[in-house]
């Protein structure tokens, strides 16, 4: 529990601010885990309903939310090293968000509009919580950069050629 109260600069931050930020991270992660499980189940049922089975049916839903996670991590990494994320990463983020929303809406479609909205909620909560967590991480990096004289990361290397291509 001590990590909830730790900060990058304990002299400049109050314990209350650190506590708020830490508990928010815990709640966001908890909601994201619950939403990911429900969203996975919805996508799995959709995949099996349309003919997939076995390991393929198990893996396809993971690729949907995995795409959102991977794209978000590349965007976060880009922010950490001070470069613009490639346009393809942003496109794939939105494709993943659209796919997870579509899978959840399709799951609830047989119950009408209200069923679709209820079924879509886990996807909305998952994406929303994950993006809030990324915002908290980026904000912490910016606060650290301001305190450390403008260096958001202790990494001194240059971005790789692959990161600079776009």
C-alpha atoms as a PDB file:
ATOM      1  CA  UNK A   1       0.000   0.000   0.000  1.00  0.00           C
ATOM      2  CA  UNK A   2       3.014   2.275   0.451  1.00  0.00           C
ATOM      3  CA  UNK A   3       3.414   2.634  -3.331  1.00  0.00           C
ATOM      4  CA  UNK A   4       0.080   4.494  -3.377  1.00  0.00           C
ATOM      5  CA  UNK A   5       1.660   7.287  -1.384  1.00  0.00           C
ATOM      6  CA  UNK A   6       5.047   7.409  -3.114  1.00  0.00           C
ATOM      7  CA  UNK A   7       5.710  10.280  -5.481  1.00  0.00           C
ATOM      8  CA  UNK A   8       8.425  11.451  -7.792  1.00  0.00           C
ATOM      9  CA  UNK A   9       8.897  14.609  -5.732  1.00  0.00           C
ATOM     10  CA  UNK A  10       7.568  14.225  -2.197  1.00  0.00           C
ATOM     11  CA  UNK A  11       8.502  17.806  -1.268  1.00  0.00           C
ATOM     12  CA  UNK A  12       6.273  19.322  -3.960  1.00  0.00           C
ATOM     13  CA  UNK A  13       3.258  17.032  -3.662  1.00  0.00           C
ATOM     14  CA  UNK A  14       0.872  16.588  -0.797  1.00  0.00           C
ATOM     15  CA  UNK A  15       0.004  13.183   0.568  1.00  0.00           C
ATOM     16  CA  UNK A  16      -3.639  13.745  -0.355  1.00  0.00           C
ATOM     17  CA  UNK A  17      -2.781  14.310  -4.032  1.00  0.00           C
ATOM     18  CA  UNK A  18      -0.675  11.151  -4.127  1.00  0.00           C
ATOM     19  CA  UNK A  19      -3.430   9.192  -2.403  1.00  0.00           C
ATOM     20  CA  UNK A  20      -6.049  10.400  -4.893  1.00  0.00           C
ATOM     21  CA  UNK A  21      -3.826   9.539  -7.846  1.00  0.00           C
ATOM     22  CA  UNK A  22      -2.884   6.142  -6.415  1.00  0.00           C
ATOM     23  CA  UNK A  23      -6.413   5.057  -5.527  1.00  0.00           C
ATOM     24  CA  UNK A  24      -7.655   6.257  -8.902  1.00  0.00           C
ATOM     25  CA  UNK A  25      -5.092   4.030 -10.586  1.00  0.00           C
ATOM     26  CA  UNK A  26      -6.242   1.049  -8.510  1.00  0.00           C
ATOM     27  CA  UNK A  27      -9.942   1.635  -9.286  1.00  0.00           C
ATOM     28  CA  UNK A  28      -9.276   2.263 -12.989  1.00  0.00           C
ATOM     29  CA  UNK A  29      -7.305  -0.981 -13.202  1.00  0.00           C
ATOM     30  CA  UNK A  30     -10.031  -2.912 -11.353  1.00  0.00           C
ATOM     31  CA  UNK A  31     -12.810  -1.618 -13.596  1.00  0.00           C
ATOM     32  CA  UNK A  32     -10.671  -2.291 -16.664  1.00  0.00           C
ATOM     33  CA  UNK A  33     -10.117  -5.924 -15.611  1.00  0.00           C
ATOM     34  CA  UNK A  34     -13.849  -6.499 -15.034  1.00  0.00           C
ATOM     35  CA  UNK A  35     -14.768  -4.787 -18.298  1.00  0.00           C
ATOM     36  CA  UNK A  36     -12.118  -6.759 -20.208  1.00  0.00           C
ATOM     37  CA  UNK A  37     -13.498 -10.068 -18.929  1.00  0.00           C
ATOM     38  CA  UNK A  38     -17.106  -9.185 -19.836  1.00  0.00           C
ATOM     39  CA  UNK A  39     -16.081  -7.738 -23.205  1.00  0.00           C
ATOM     40  CA  UNK A  40     -14.045 -10.886 -23.923  1.00  0.00           C
ATOM     41  CA  UNK A  41     -17.049 -13.093 -23.160  1.00  0.00           C
ATOM     42  CA  UNK A  42     -19.258 -11.046 -25.475  1.00  0.00           C
ATOM     43  CA  UNK A  43     -16.722 -11.236 -28.300  1.00  0.00           C
ATOM     44  CA  UNK A  44     -16.157 -14.967 -27.696  1.00  0.00           C
ATOM     45  CA  UNK A  45     -19.891 -15.667 -27.944  1.00  0.00           C
ATOM     46  CA  UNK A  46     -20.059 -13.674 -31.175  1.00  0.00           C
ATOM     47  CA  UNK A  47     -17.107 -15.489 -32.691  1.00  0.00           C
ATOM     48  CA  UNK A  48     -18.483 -18.922 -31.799  1.00  0.00           C
ATOM     49  CA  UNK A  49     -21.966 -17.974 -33.030  1.00  0.00           C
ATOM     50  CA  UNK A  50     -20.501 -17.294 -36.469  1.00  0.00           C
ATOM     51  CA  UNK A  51     -18.683 -20.595 -36.797  1.00  0.00           C
ATOM     52  CA  UNK A  52     -15.308 -20.362 -35.121  1.00  0.00           C
ATOM     53  CA  UNK A  53     -14.358 -22.959 -32.535  1.00  0.00           C
ATOM     54  CA  UNK A  54     -11.478 -24.228 -30.476  1.00  0.00           C
ATOM     55  CA  UNK A  55      -8.324 -22.172 -30.095  1.00  0.00           C
ATOM     56  CA  UNK A  56      -9.363 -19.772 -32.868  1.00  0.00           C
ATOM     57  CA  UNK A  57     -12.524 -18.811 -31.004  1.00  0.00           C
ATOM     58  CA  UNK A  58     -10.482 -18.308 -27.846  1.00  0.00           C
ATOM     59  CA  UNK A  59      -7.801 -16.179 -29.516  1.00  0.00           C
ATOM     60  CA  UNK A  60      -9.801 -13.844 -31.781  1.00  0.00           C
ATOM     61  CA  UNK A  61     -11.334 -11.821 -28.906  1.00  0.00           C
ATOM     62  CA  UNK A  62      -7.840 -11.399 -27.423  1.00  0.00           C
ATOM     63  CA  UNK A  63      -6.635  -9.836 -30.670  1.00  0.00           C
ATOM     64  CA  UNK A  64      -9.325  -7.162 -30.457  1.00  0.00           C
ATOM     65  CA  UNK A  65      -8.490  -5.774 -27.015  1.00  0.00           C
ATOM     66  CA  UNK A  66      -4.824  -6.660 -27.525  1.00  0.00           C
ATOM     67  CA  UNK A  67      -4.745  -4.293 -30.497  1.00  0.00           C
ATOM     68  CA  UNK A  68      -6.119  -1.479 -28.329  1.00  0.00           C
ATOM     69  CA  UNK A  69      -3.500  -2.240 -25.659  1.00  0.00           C
ATOM     70  CA  UNK A  70      -0.587  -2.468 -28.097  1.00  0.00           C
ATOM     71  CA  UNK A  71      -1.483   0.748 -29.904  1.00  0.00           C
ATOM     72  CA  UNK A  72      -1.920   2.580 -26.590  1.00  0.00           C
ATOM     73  CA  UNK A  73       1.489   1.377 -25.415  1.00  0.00           C
ATOM     74  CA  UNK A  74       3.177   2.616 -28.607  1.00  0.00           C
ATOM     75  CA  UNK A  75       1.461   5.991 -28.178  1.00  0.00           C
ATOM     76  CA  UNK A  76       2.617   6.105 -24.545  1.00  0.00           C
ATOM     77  CA  UNK A  77       6.157   5.137 -25.537  1.00  0.00           C
ATOM     78  CA  UNK A  78       6.180   7.833 -28.192  1.00  0.00           C
ATOM     79  CA  UNK A  79       5.135  10.395 -25.600  1.00  0.00           C
ATOM     80  CA  UNK A  80       7.870   9.175 -23.242  1.00  0.00           C
ATOM     81  CA  UNK A  81      10.634   9.609 -25.804  1.00  0.00           C
ATOM     82  CA  UNK A  82       9.250  12.852 -27.194  1.00  0.00           C
ATOM     83  CA  UNK A  83       8.246  11.789 -30.688  1.00  0.00           C
ATOM     84  CA  UNK A  84       4.940  11.791 -32.529  1.00  0.00           C
ATOM     85  CA  UNK A  85       3.212   8.407 -32.696  1.00  0.00           C
ATOM     86  CA  UNK A  86       2.920   7.056 -36.246  1.00  0.00           C
ATOM     87  CA  UNK A  87      -0.452   7.592 -37.957  1.00  0.00           C
ATOM     88  CA  UNK A  88      -0.840   3.817 -38.380  1.00  0.00           C
ATOM     89  CA  UNK A  89      -0.767   3.355 -34.605  1.00  0.00           C
ATOM     90  CA  UNK A  90      -3.595   5.867 -34.163  1.00  0.00           C
ATOM     91  CA  UNK A  91      -5.543   4.176 -36.965  1.00  0.00           C
ATOM     92  CA  UNK A  92      -5.090   0.754 -35.348  1.00  0.00           C
ATOM     93  CA  UNK A  93      -6.165   2.147 -31.978  1.00  0.00           C
ATOM     94  CA  UNK A  94      -9.437   3.346 -33.497  1.00  0.00           C
ATOM     95  CA  UNK A  95      -9.894   0.095 -35.444  1.00  0.00           C
ATOM     96  CA  UNK A  96      -9.499  -1.859 -32.193  1.00  0.00           C
ATOM     97  CA  UNK A  97     -11.918   0.424 -30.324  1.00  0.00           C
ATOM     98  CA  UNK A  98     -14.441   0.103 -33.149  1.00  0.00           C
ATOM     99  CA  UNK A  99     -14.058  -3.690 -33.241  1.00  0.00           C
ATOM    100  CA  UNK A 100     -14.561  -4.114 -29.505  1.00  0.00           C
ATOM    101  CA  UNK A 101     -17.600  -1.836 -29.567  1.00  0.00           C
ATOM    102  CA  UNK A 102     -19.034  -3.704 -32.568  1.00  0.00           C
ATOM    103  CA  UNK A 103     -18.540  -7.102 -30.923  1.00  0.00           C
ATOM    104  CA  UNK A 104     -20.292  -5.950 -27.765  1.00  0.00           C
ATOM    105  CA  UNK A 105     -23.154  -4.200 -29.599  1.00  0.00           C
ATOM    106  CA  UNK A 106     -23.655  -7.303 -31.766  1.00  0.00           C
ATOM    107  CA  UNK A 107     -23.861  -9.426 -28.633  1.00  0.00           C
ATOM    108  CA  UNK A 108     -26.755  -7.370 -27.289  1.00  0.00           C
ATOM    109  CA  UNK A 109     -28.472  -6.763 -30.628  1.00  0.00           C
ATOM    110  CA  UNK A 110     -30.963  -9.612 -30.217  1.00  0.00           C
ATOM    111  CA  UNK A 111     -32.332  -7.735 -27.178  1.00  0.00           C
ATOM    112  CA  UNK A 112     -32.929  -4.513 -29.094  1.00  0.00           C
ATOM    113  CA  UNK A 113     -31.459  -1.066 -28.653  1.00  0.00           C
ATOM    114  CA  UNK A 114     -31.338  -1.218 -24.864  1.00  0.00           C
ATOM    115  CA  UNK A 115     -29.695  -4.653 -25.026  1.00  0.00           C
ATOM    116  CA  UNK A 116     -27.050  -3.284 -27.376  1.00  0.00           C
ATOM    117  CA  UNK A 117     -26.341  -0.315 -25.127  1.00  0.00           C
ATOM    118  CA  UNK A 118     -26.037  -2.533 -22.062  1.00  0.00           C
ATOM    119  CA  UNK A 119     -23.799  -4.979 -23.928  1.00  0.00           C
ATOM    120  CA  UNK A 120     -21.615  -2.137 -25.247  1.00  0.00           C
ATOM    121  CA  UNK A 121     -20.996  -0.741 -21.773  1.00  0.00           C
ATOM    122  CA  UNK A 122     -18.043  -3.058 -20.937  1.00  0.00           C
ATOM    123  CA  UNK A 123     -16.214  -1.962 -24.092  1.00  0.00           C
ATOM    124  CA  UNK A 124     -16.837   1.697 -23.287  1.00  0.00           C
ATOM    125  CA  UNK A 125     -15.682   1.169 -19.699  1.00  0.00           C
ATOM    126  CA  UNK A 126     -12.599  -0.777 -20.805  1.00  0.00           C
ATOM    127  CA  UNK A 127     -11.464   1.788 -23.352  1.00  0.00           C
ATOM    128  CA  UNK A 128     -12.351   4.680 -21.062  1.00  0.00           C
ATOM    129  CA  UNK A 129     -10.540   3.237 -18.049  1.00  0.00           C
ATOM    130  CA  UNK A 130      -7.497   2.308 -20.071  1.00  0.00           C
ATOM    131  CA  UNK A 131      -7.270   5.773 -21.574  1.00  0.00           C
ATOM    132  CA  UNK A 132      -7.699   7.362 -18.104  1.00  0.00           C
ATOM    133  CA  UNK A 133      -4.835   5.204 -16.863  1.00  0.00           C
ATOM    134  CA  UNK A 134      -2.692   6.273 -19.820  1.00  0.00           C
ATOM    135  CA  UNK A 135      -3.560   9.913 -19.088  1.00  0.00           C
ATOM    136  CA  UNK A 136      -2.454   9.474 -15.467  1.00  0.00           C
ATOM    137  CA  UNK A 137       0.798   7.880 -16.598  1.00  0.00           C
ATOM    138  CA  UNK A 138       1.446  10.628 -19.177  1.00  0.00           C
ATOM    139  CA  UNK A 139       0.583  13.305 -16.612  1.00  0.00           C
ATOM    140  CA  UNK A 140       3.008  11.759 -14.136  1.00  0.00           C
ATOM    141  CA  UNK A 141       5.677  11.778 -16.852  1.00  0.00           C
ATOM    142  CA  UNK A 142       5.006  15.456 -17.599  1.00  0.00           C
ATOM    143  CA  UNK A 143       5.205  16.330 -13.903  1.00  0.00           C
ATOM    144  CA  UNK A 144       8.474  14.418 -13.644  1.00  0.00           C
ATOM    145  CA  UNK A 145       9.811  16.153 -16.748  1.00  0.00           C
ATOM    146  CA  UNK A 146       8.997  19.574 -15.358  1.00  0.00           C
ATOM    147  CA  UNK A 147      10.749  18.749 -12.100  1.00  0.00           C
ATOM    148  CA  UNK A 148      13.752  17.097 -13.777  1.00  0.00           C
ATOM    149  CA  UNK A 149      14.395  19.982 -16.133  1.00  0.00           C
ATOM    150  CA  UNK A 150      12.472  18.810 -19.171  1.00  0.00           C
ATOM    151  CA  UNK A 151      13.519  15.170 -19.462  1.00  0.00           C
ATOM    152  CA  UNK A 152      10.397  12.986 -19.358  1.00  0.00           C
ATOM    153  CA  UNK A 153      12.425   9.819 -19.294  1.00  0.00           C
ATOM    154  CA  UNK A 154      15.772   8.790 -17.904  1.00  0.00           C
ATOM    155  CA  UNK A 155      16.378   6.964 -21.186  1.00  0.00           C
ATOM    156  CA  UNK A 156      19.168   8.838 -22.983  1.00  0.00           C
ATOM    157  CA  UNK A 157      19.096   6.984 -26.301  1.00  0.00           C
ATOM    158  CA  UNK A 158      17.600   8.161 -29.560  1.00  0.00           C
ATOM    159  CA  UNK A 159      14.327   6.790 -30.924  1.00  0.00           C
ATOM    160  CA  UNK A 160      14.827   3.810 -33.179  1.00  0.00           C
ATOM    161  CA  UNK A 161      14.619   4.139 -36.948  1.00  0.00           C
ATOM    162  CA  UNK A 162      11.363   2.178 -36.906  1.00  0.00           C
ATOM    163  CA  UNK A 163       9.829   4.790 -34.595  1.00  0.00           C
ATOM    164  CA  UNK A 164      11.017   7.652 -36.801  1.00  0.00           C
ATOM    165  CA  UNK A 165       9.663   6.255 -40.078  1.00  0.00           C
ATOM    166  CA  UNK A 166       6.253   7.896 -39.791  1.00  0.00           C
END
